Amino acid sequence: MIRINLLPHREIKRRERRQQFYVISGLMIVAGAAIALLVHTVIDGYIDRQQRKNEIFKTEIRKLDRQIAEIRTLREQVDALLARKQVIEALQGNRAETVYLLSEVTKRMPEGIYLKSMKQAGKRVTLVGYAQSNARVSHLMRALDESPYLAQPQLVEIKAATADGRRVGEFTLNISIQQPRAEEGEGAKQ
């Protein structure tokens, strides 16, 4: 039998396989690095695109916030204007009130009564004056109660006083101003 020494052949095959292994391993490392670089680049691109979108959204949100602030200031201005309008309307509605008050008080004032002061606080009017007798004050209260513009006369006090050397009664009287009653208001317009 012939003996063949296979050791050098095996050694060559091992070297070839080892070399092949190193080459394939190197190629796998290069391919892995290339794939990792590609994945990193793709993900980085997605992140950059998303950040650009986020910046666009942030600028739009800032614009909307400015517009909302402008809307708030406009609403505040509208509310202030509406409040002013209501005050003006209230003043327009009540501007003739003083004229009616003075007219009614002078029309309804009986003889023997003299007013010292008249003070208005809202819809409430306080009359302070002198009367020759208590009966004249009650006559004044009845006359004021019949007025379409005045209501609820209330006597606060009557006290004895001396005016111009005569003995008189000093009185304080509260009355309310009201809108004219419907049936009398229509008769007054005709």
C-alpha atoms as a PDB file:
ATOM      1  CA  MET A   1       0.000   0.000   0.000  1.00  0.00           C
ATOM      2  CA  ILE A   2       1.136   3.315  -0.919  1.00  0.00           C
ATOM      3  CA  ARG A   3       1.279   5.841   1.725  1.00  0.00           C
ATOM      4  CA  ILE A   4       0.423   9.393   0.864  1.00  0.00           C
ATOM      5  CA  ASN A   5       1.154  12.153   3.202  1.00  0.00           C
ATOM      6  CA  LEU A   6      -1.926  14.393   3.316  1.00  0.00           C
ATOM      7  CA  LEU A   7      -0.656  16.693   6.008  1.00  0.00           C
ATOM      8  CA  PRO A   8       0.596  19.446   3.695  1.00  0.00           C
ATOM      9  CA  HIS A   9      -2.590  19.249   1.691  1.00  0.00           C
ATOM     10  CA  ARG A  10      -4.681  19.533   4.854  1.00  0.00           C
ATOM     11  CA  GLU A  11      -2.541  22.360   6.058  1.00  0.00           C
ATOM     12  CA  ILE A  12      -3.104  24.212   2.772  1.00  0.00           C
ATOM     13  CA  LYS A  13      -6.845  23.584   2.967  1.00  0.00           C
ATOM     14  CA  ARG A  14      -6.902  24.894   6.547  1.00  0.00           C
ATOM     15  CA  ARG A  15      -5.052  28.012   5.512  1.00  0.00           C
ATOM     16  CA  GLU A  16      -7.438  28.530   2.621  1.00  0.00           C
ATOM     17  CA  ARG A  17     -10.454  28.049   4.889  1.00  0.00           C
ATOM     18  CA  ARG A  18      -8.970  30.338   7.518  1.00  0.00           C
ATOM     19  CA  GLN A  19      -8.235  32.931   4.867  1.00  0.00           C
ATOM     20  CA  GLN A  20     -11.726  32.471   3.466  1.00  0.00           C
ATOM     21  CA  PHE A  21     -13.124  32.859   7.011  1.00  0.00           C
ATOM     22  CA  TYR A  22     -11.175  36.081   7.576  1.00  0.00           C
ATOM     23  CA  VAL A  23     -12.252  37.454   4.209  1.00  0.00           C
ATOM     24  CA  ILE A  24     -15.918  36.587   4.824  1.00  0.00           C
ATOM     25  CA  SER A  25     -15.676  37.942   8.386  1.00  0.00           C
ATOM     26  CA  GLY A  26     -14.147  41.158   7.090  1.00  0.00           C
ATOM     27  CA  LEU A  27     -16.825  41.408   4.398  1.00  0.00           C
ATOM     28  CA  MET A  28     -19.510  40.794   7.040  1.00  0.00           C
ATOM     29  CA  ILE A  29     -18.026  43.496   9.265  1.00  0.00           C
ATOM     30  CA  VAL A  30     -17.879  45.915   6.334  1.00  0.00           C
ATOM     31  CA  ALA A  31     -21.426  44.945   5.288  1.00  0.00           C
ATOM     32  CA  GLY A  32     -22.650  45.348   8.910  1.00  0.00           C
ATOM     33  CA  ALA A  33     -20.953  48.733   9.162  1.00  0.00           C
ATOM     34  CA  ALA A  34     -22.467  49.769   5.805  1.00  0.00           C
ATOM     35  CA  ILE A  35     -25.919  48.634   6.910  1.00  0.00           C
ATOM     36  CA  ALA A  36     -25.501  50.426  10.276  1.00  0.00           C
ATOM     37  CA  LEU A  37     -24.370  53.575   8.459  1.00  0.00           C
ATOM     38  CA  LEU A  38     -27.315  53.312   6.060  1.00  0.00           C
ATOM     39  CA  VAL A  39     -29.809  52.783   8.921  1.00  0.00           C
ATOM     40  CA  HIS A  40     -28.231  55.678  10.861  1.00  0.00           C
ATOM     41  CA  THR A  41     -28.463  57.946   7.806  1.00  0.00           C
ATOM     42  CA  VAL A  42     -32.101  56.992   7.150  1.00  0.00           C
ATOM     43  CA  ILE A  43     -33.100  57.477  10.791  1.00  0.00           C
ATOM     44  CA  ASP A  44     -31.181  60.757  10.938  1.00  0.00           C
ATOM     45  CA  GLY A  45     -33.061  61.902   7.819  1.00  0.00           C
ATOM     46  CA  TYR A  46     -36.384  61.029   9.462  1.00  0.00           C
ATOM     47  CA  ILE A  47     -35.366  62.924  12.602  1.00  0.00           C
ATOM     48  CA  ASP A  48     -34.300  65.975  10.568  1.00  0.00           C
ATOM     49  CA  ARG A  49     -37.581  65.950   8.619  1.00  0.00           C
ATOM     50  CA  GLN A  50     -39.595  65.623  11.841  1.00  0.00           C
ATOM     51  CA  GLN A  51     -37.651  68.480  13.447  1.00  0.00           C
ATOM     52  CA  ARG A  52     -38.354  70.691  10.416  1.00  0.00           C
ATOM     53  CA  LYS A  53     -42.051  69.800  10.699  1.00  0.00           C
ATOM     54  CA  ASN A  54     -41.941  70.571  14.432  1.00  0.00           C
ATOM     55  CA  GLU A  55     -40.372  73.966  13.726  1.00  0.00           C
ATOM     56  CA  ILE A  56     -43.106  74.707  11.194  1.00  0.00           C
ATOM     57  CA  PHE A  57     -45.721  73.721  13.771  1.00  0.00           C
ATOM     58  CA  LYS A  58     -44.037  75.862  16.431  1.00  0.00           C
ATOM     59  CA  THR A  59     -44.008  78.926  14.161  1.00  0.00           C
ATOM     60  CA  GLU A  60     -47.668  78.341  13.276  1.00  0.00           C
ATOM     61  CA  ILE A  61     -48.527  77.908  16.959  1.00  0.00           C
ATOM     62  CA  ARG A  62     -46.746  81.200  17.743  1.00  0.00           C
ATOM     63  CA  LYS A  63     -48.760  82.897  14.980  1.00  0.00           C
ATOM     64  CA  LEU A  64     -51.989  81.445  16.370  1.00  0.00           C
ATOM     65  CA  ASP A  65     -51.043  82.515  19.909  1.00  0.00           C
ATOM     66  CA  ARG A  66     -50.511  86.071  18.653  1.00  0.00           C
ATOM     67  CA  GLN A  67     -53.857  85.958  16.863  1.00  0.00           C
ATOM     68  CA  ILE A  68     -55.553  84.623  20.009  1.00  0.00           C
ATOM     69  CA  ALA A  69     -54.001  87.456  22.023  1.00  0.00           C
ATOM     70  CA  GLU A  70     -55.274  89.949  19.433  1.00  0.00           C
ATOM     71  CA  ILE A  71     -58.732  88.372  19.611  1.00  0.00           C
ATOM     72  CA  ARG A  72     -58.665  88.671  23.411  1.00  0.00           C
ATOM     73  CA  THR A  73     -57.734  92.346  23.240  1.00  0.00           C
ATOM     74  CA  LEU A  74     -60.410  92.914  20.603  1.00  0.00           C
ATOM     75  CA  ARG A  75     -62.981  91.166  22.791  1.00  0.00           C
ATOM     76  CA  GLU A  76     -61.930  93.295  25.757  1.00  0.00           C
ATOM     77  CA  GLN A  77     -62.277  96.398  23.604  1.00  0.00           C
ATOM     78  CA  VAL A  78     -65.687  95.214  22.366  1.00  0.00           C
ATOM     79  CA  ASP A  79     -66.786  94.552  25.950  1.00  0.00           C
ATOM     80  CA  ALA A  80     -65.541  97.998  27.004  1.00  0.00           C
ATOM     81  CA  LEU A  81     -67.362  99.600  24.079  1.00  0.00           C
ATOM     82  CA  LEU A  82     -70.545  97.680  24.902  1.00  0.00           C
ATOM     83  CA  ALA A  83     -70.291  98.824  28.511  1.00  0.00           C
ATOM     84  CA  ARG A  84     -69.857 102.414  27.350  1.00  0.00           C
ATOM     85  CA  LYS A  85     -72.780 101.999  24.967  1.00  0.00           C
ATOM     86  CA  GLN A  86     -74.965 100.716  27.799  1.00  0.00           C
ATOM     87  CA  VAL A  87     -73.944 103.636  30.003  1.00  0.00           C
ATOM     88  CA  ILE A  88     -74.730 106.073  27.184  1.00  0.00           C
ATOM     89  CA  GLU A  89     -78.066 104.373  26.525  1.00  0.00           C
ATOM     90  CA  ALA A  90     -78.870 104.530  30.236  1.00  0.00           C
ATOM     91  CA  LEU A  91     -77.941 108.212  30.276  1.00  0.00           C
ATOM     92  CA  GLN A  92     -80.014 108.819  27.130  1.00  0.00           C
ATOM     93  CA  GLY A  93     -82.964 107.046  28.706  1.00  0.00           C
ATOM     94  CA  ASN A  94     -82.621 108.970  31.958  1.00  0.00           C
ATOM     95  CA  ARG A  95     -81.601 112.378  30.642  1.00  0.00           C
ATOM     96  CA  ALA A  96     -85.142 113.738  30.800  1.00  0.00           C
ATOM     97  CA  GLU A  97     -85.559 112.298  34.286  1.00  0.00           C
ATOM     98  CA  THR A  98     -84.304 115.453  36.020  1.00  0.00           C
ATOM     99  CA  VAL A  99     -86.586 117.626  33.934  1.00  0.00           C
ATOM    100  CA  TYR A 100     -89.576 115.425  34.796  1.00  0.00           C
ATOM    101  CA  LEU A 101     -88.551 115.421  38.452  1.00  0.00           C
ATOM    102  CA  LEU A 102     -88.328 119.197  38.716  1.00  0.00           C
ATOM    103  CA  SER A 103     -91.467 119.680  36.655  1.00  0.00           C
ATOM    104  CA  GLU A 104     -93.502 117.257  38.764  1.00  0.00           C
ATOM    105  CA  VAL A 105     -92.235 118.619  42.067  1.00  0.00           C
ATOM    106  CA  THR A 106     -93.109 122.207  41.069  1.00  0.00           C
ATOM    107  CA  LYS A 107     -96.531 121.194  39.702  1.00  0.00           C
ATOM    108  CA  ARG A 108     -97.422 119.200  42.819  1.00  0.00           C
ATOM    109  CA  MET A 109     -96.047 121.636  45.389  1.00  0.00           C
ATOM    110  CA  PRO A 110     -98.933 123.110  47.466  1.00  0.00           C
ATOM    111  CA  GLU A 111     -98.890 126.625  48.906  1.00  0.00           C
ATOM    112  CA  GLY A 112     -97.236 127.012  52.262  1.00  0.00           C
ATOM    113  CA  ILE A 113     -94.321 124.654  51.520  1.00  0.00           C
ATOM    114  CA  TYR A 114     -90.821 125.864  50.718  1.00  0.00           C
ATOM    115  CA  LEU A 115     -87.975 123.555  49.738  1.00  0.00           C
ATOM    116  CA  LYS A 116     -84.591 124.086  51.322  1.00  0.00           C
ATOM    117  CA  SER A 117     -82.731 121.333  49.409  1.00  0.00           C
ATOM    118  CA  MET A 118     -83.283 118.500  46.974  1.00  0.00           C
ATOM    119  CA  LYS A 119     -80.751 115.658  46.700  1.00  0.00           C
ATOM    120  CA  GLN A 120     -80.832 112.721  44.256  1.00  0.00           C
ATOM    121  CA  ALA A 121     -78.995 109.435  44.754  1.00  0.00           C
ATOM    122  CA  GLY A 122     -79.829 107.035  41.939  1.00  0.00           C
ATOM    123  CA  LYS A 123     -83.595 106.644  41.775  1.00  0.00           C
ATOM    124  CA  ARG A 124     -84.054 108.058  45.289  1.00  0.00           C
ATOM    125  CA  VAL A 125     -84.689 111.802  45.901  1.00  0.00           C
ATOM    126  CA  THR A 126     -84.605 113.457  49.303  1.00  0.00           C
ATOM    127  CA  LEU A 127     -86.559 116.698  49.770  1.00  0.00           C
ATOM    128  CA  VAL A 128     -85.855 118.937  52.763  1.00  0.00           C
ATOM    129  CA  GLY A 129     -88.030 121.979  53.343  1.00  0.00           C
ATOM    130  CA  TYR A 130     -90.344 124.031  55.523  1.00  0.00           C
ATOM    131  CA  ALA A 131     -94.125 123.696  55.821  1.00  0.00           C
ATOM    132  CA  GLN A 132     -96.631 125.955  57.539  1.00  0.00           C
ATOM    133  CA  SER A 133     -98.445 122.882  58.882  1.00  0.00           C
ATOM    134  CA  ASN A 134     -98.281 119.105  58.963  1.00  0.00           C
ATOM    135  CA  ALA A 135    -101.423 118.927  56.815  1.00  0.00           C
ATOM    136  CA  ARG A 136     -99.591 120.663  53.964  1.00  0.00           C
ATOM    137  CA  VAL A 137     -96.838 117.994  54.115  1.00  0.00           C
ATOM    138  CA  SER A 138     -99.426 115.200  53.883  1.00  0.00           C
ATOM    139  CA  HIS A 139    -101.090 117.073  50.980  1.00  0.00           C
ATOM    140  CA  LEU A 140     -97.657 117.218  49.269  1.00  0.00           C
ATOM    141  CA  MET A 141     -97.150 113.467  49.830  1.00  0.00           C
ATOM    142  CA  ARG A 142    -100.568 112.642  48.274  1.00  0.00           C
ATOM    143  CA  ALA A 143     -99.871 114.949  45.310  1.00  0.00           C
ATOM    144  CA  LEU A 144     -96.443 113.369  44.710  1.00  0.00           C
ATOM    145  CA  ASP A 145     -97.945 109.883  44.907  1.00  0.00           C
ATOM    146  CA  GLU A 146    -100.402 110.787  42.094  1.00  0.00           C
ATOM    147  CA  SER A 147     -97.534 111.715  39.782  1.00  0.00           C
ATOM    148  CA  PRO A 148     -96.696 109.250  36.979  1.00  0.00           C
ATOM    149  CA  TYR A 149     -92.954 109.922  37.475  1.00  0.00           C
ATOM    150  CA  LEU A 150     -92.750 109.842  41.261  1.00  0.00           C
ATOM    151  CA  ALA A 151     -93.693 107.074  43.674  1.00  0.00           C
ATOM    152  CA  GLN A 152     -93.487 105.939  47.292  1.00  0.00           C
ATOM    153  CA  PRO A 153     -93.243 109.221  49.180  1.00  0.00           C
ATOM    154  CA  GLN A 154     -91.945 108.462  52.673  1.00  0.00           C
ATOM    155  CA  LEU A 155     -91.802 111.000  55.438  1.00  0.00           C
ATOM    156  CA  VAL A 156     -88.534 110.694  57.333  1.00  0.00           C
ATOM    157  CA  GLU A 157     -89.172 113.396  59.951  1.00  0.00           C
ATOM    158  CA  ILE A 158     -90.990 116.599  60.794  1.00  0.00           C
ATOM    159  CA  LYS A 159     -89.669 118.826  63.527  1.00  0.00           C
ATOM    160  CA  ALA A 160     -90.551 122.271  64.766  1.00  0.00           C
ATOM    161  CA  ALA A 161     -88.297 125.072  63.561  1.00  0.00           C
ATOM    162  CA  THR A 162     -88.214 128.842  63.257  1.00  0.00           C
ATOM    163  CA  ALA A 163     -87.673 130.421  59.837  1.00  0.00           C
ATOM    164  CA  ASP A 164     -87.774 134.184  59.261  1.00  0.00           C
ATOM    165  CA  GLY A 165     -89.224 134.685  62.740  1.00  0.00           C
ATOM    166  CA  ARG A 166     -92.173 132.338  62.105  1.00  0.00           C
ATOM    167  CA  ARG A 167     -92.820 128.962  63.622  1.00  0.00           C
ATOM    168  CA  VAL A 168     -92.809 126.247  60.870  1.00  0.00           C
ATOM    169  CA  GLY A 169     -92.278 122.523  60.525  1.00  0.00           C
ATOM    170  CA  GLU A 170     -89.010 121.386  58.948  1.00  0.00           C
ATOM    171  CA  PHE A 171     -89.568 118.129  57.080  1.00  0.00           C
ATOM    172  CA  THR A 172     -87.459 115.503  55.287  1.00  0.00           C
ATOM    173  CA  LEU A 173     -89.212 113.451  52.625  1.00  0.00           C
ATOM    174  CA  ASN A 174     -87.931 110.621  50.396  1.00  0.00           C
ATOM    175  CA  ILE A 175     -89.474 109.825  47.004  1.00  0.00           C
ATOM    176  CA  SER A 176     -88.580 107.394  44.228  1.00  0.00           C
ATOM    177  CA  ILE A 177     -88.313 108.210  40.542  1.00  0.00           C
ATOM    178  CA  GLN A 178     -90.023 105.753  38.240  1.00  0.00           C
ATOM    179  CA  GLN A 179     -90.836 105.390  34.577  1.00  0.00           C
ATOM    180  CA  PRO A 180     -94.287 106.759  33.769  1.00  0.00           C
ATOM    181  CA  ARG A 181     -97.129 104.323  34.101  1.00  0.00           C
ATOM    182  CA  ALA A 182     -98.202 102.841  30.744  1.00  0.00           C
ATOM    183  CA  GLU A 183    -101.689 104.319  30.521  1.00  0.00           C
ATOM    184  CA  GLU A 184    -100.605 107.796  31.658  1.00  0.00           C
ATOM    185  CA  GLY A 185     -97.469 107.665  29.504  1.00  0.00           C
ATOM    186  CA  GLU A 186     -99.544 106.999  26.383  1.00  0.00           C
ATOM    187  CA  GLY A 187    -101.936 109.840  27.275  1.00  0.00           C
ATOM    188  CA  ALA A 188     -98.995 112.211  27.727  1.00  0.00           C
ATOM    189  CA  LYS A 189     -97.599 111.344  24.266  1.00  0.00           C
ATOM    190  CA  GLN A 190    -100.901 112.146  22.499  1.00  0.00           C
END
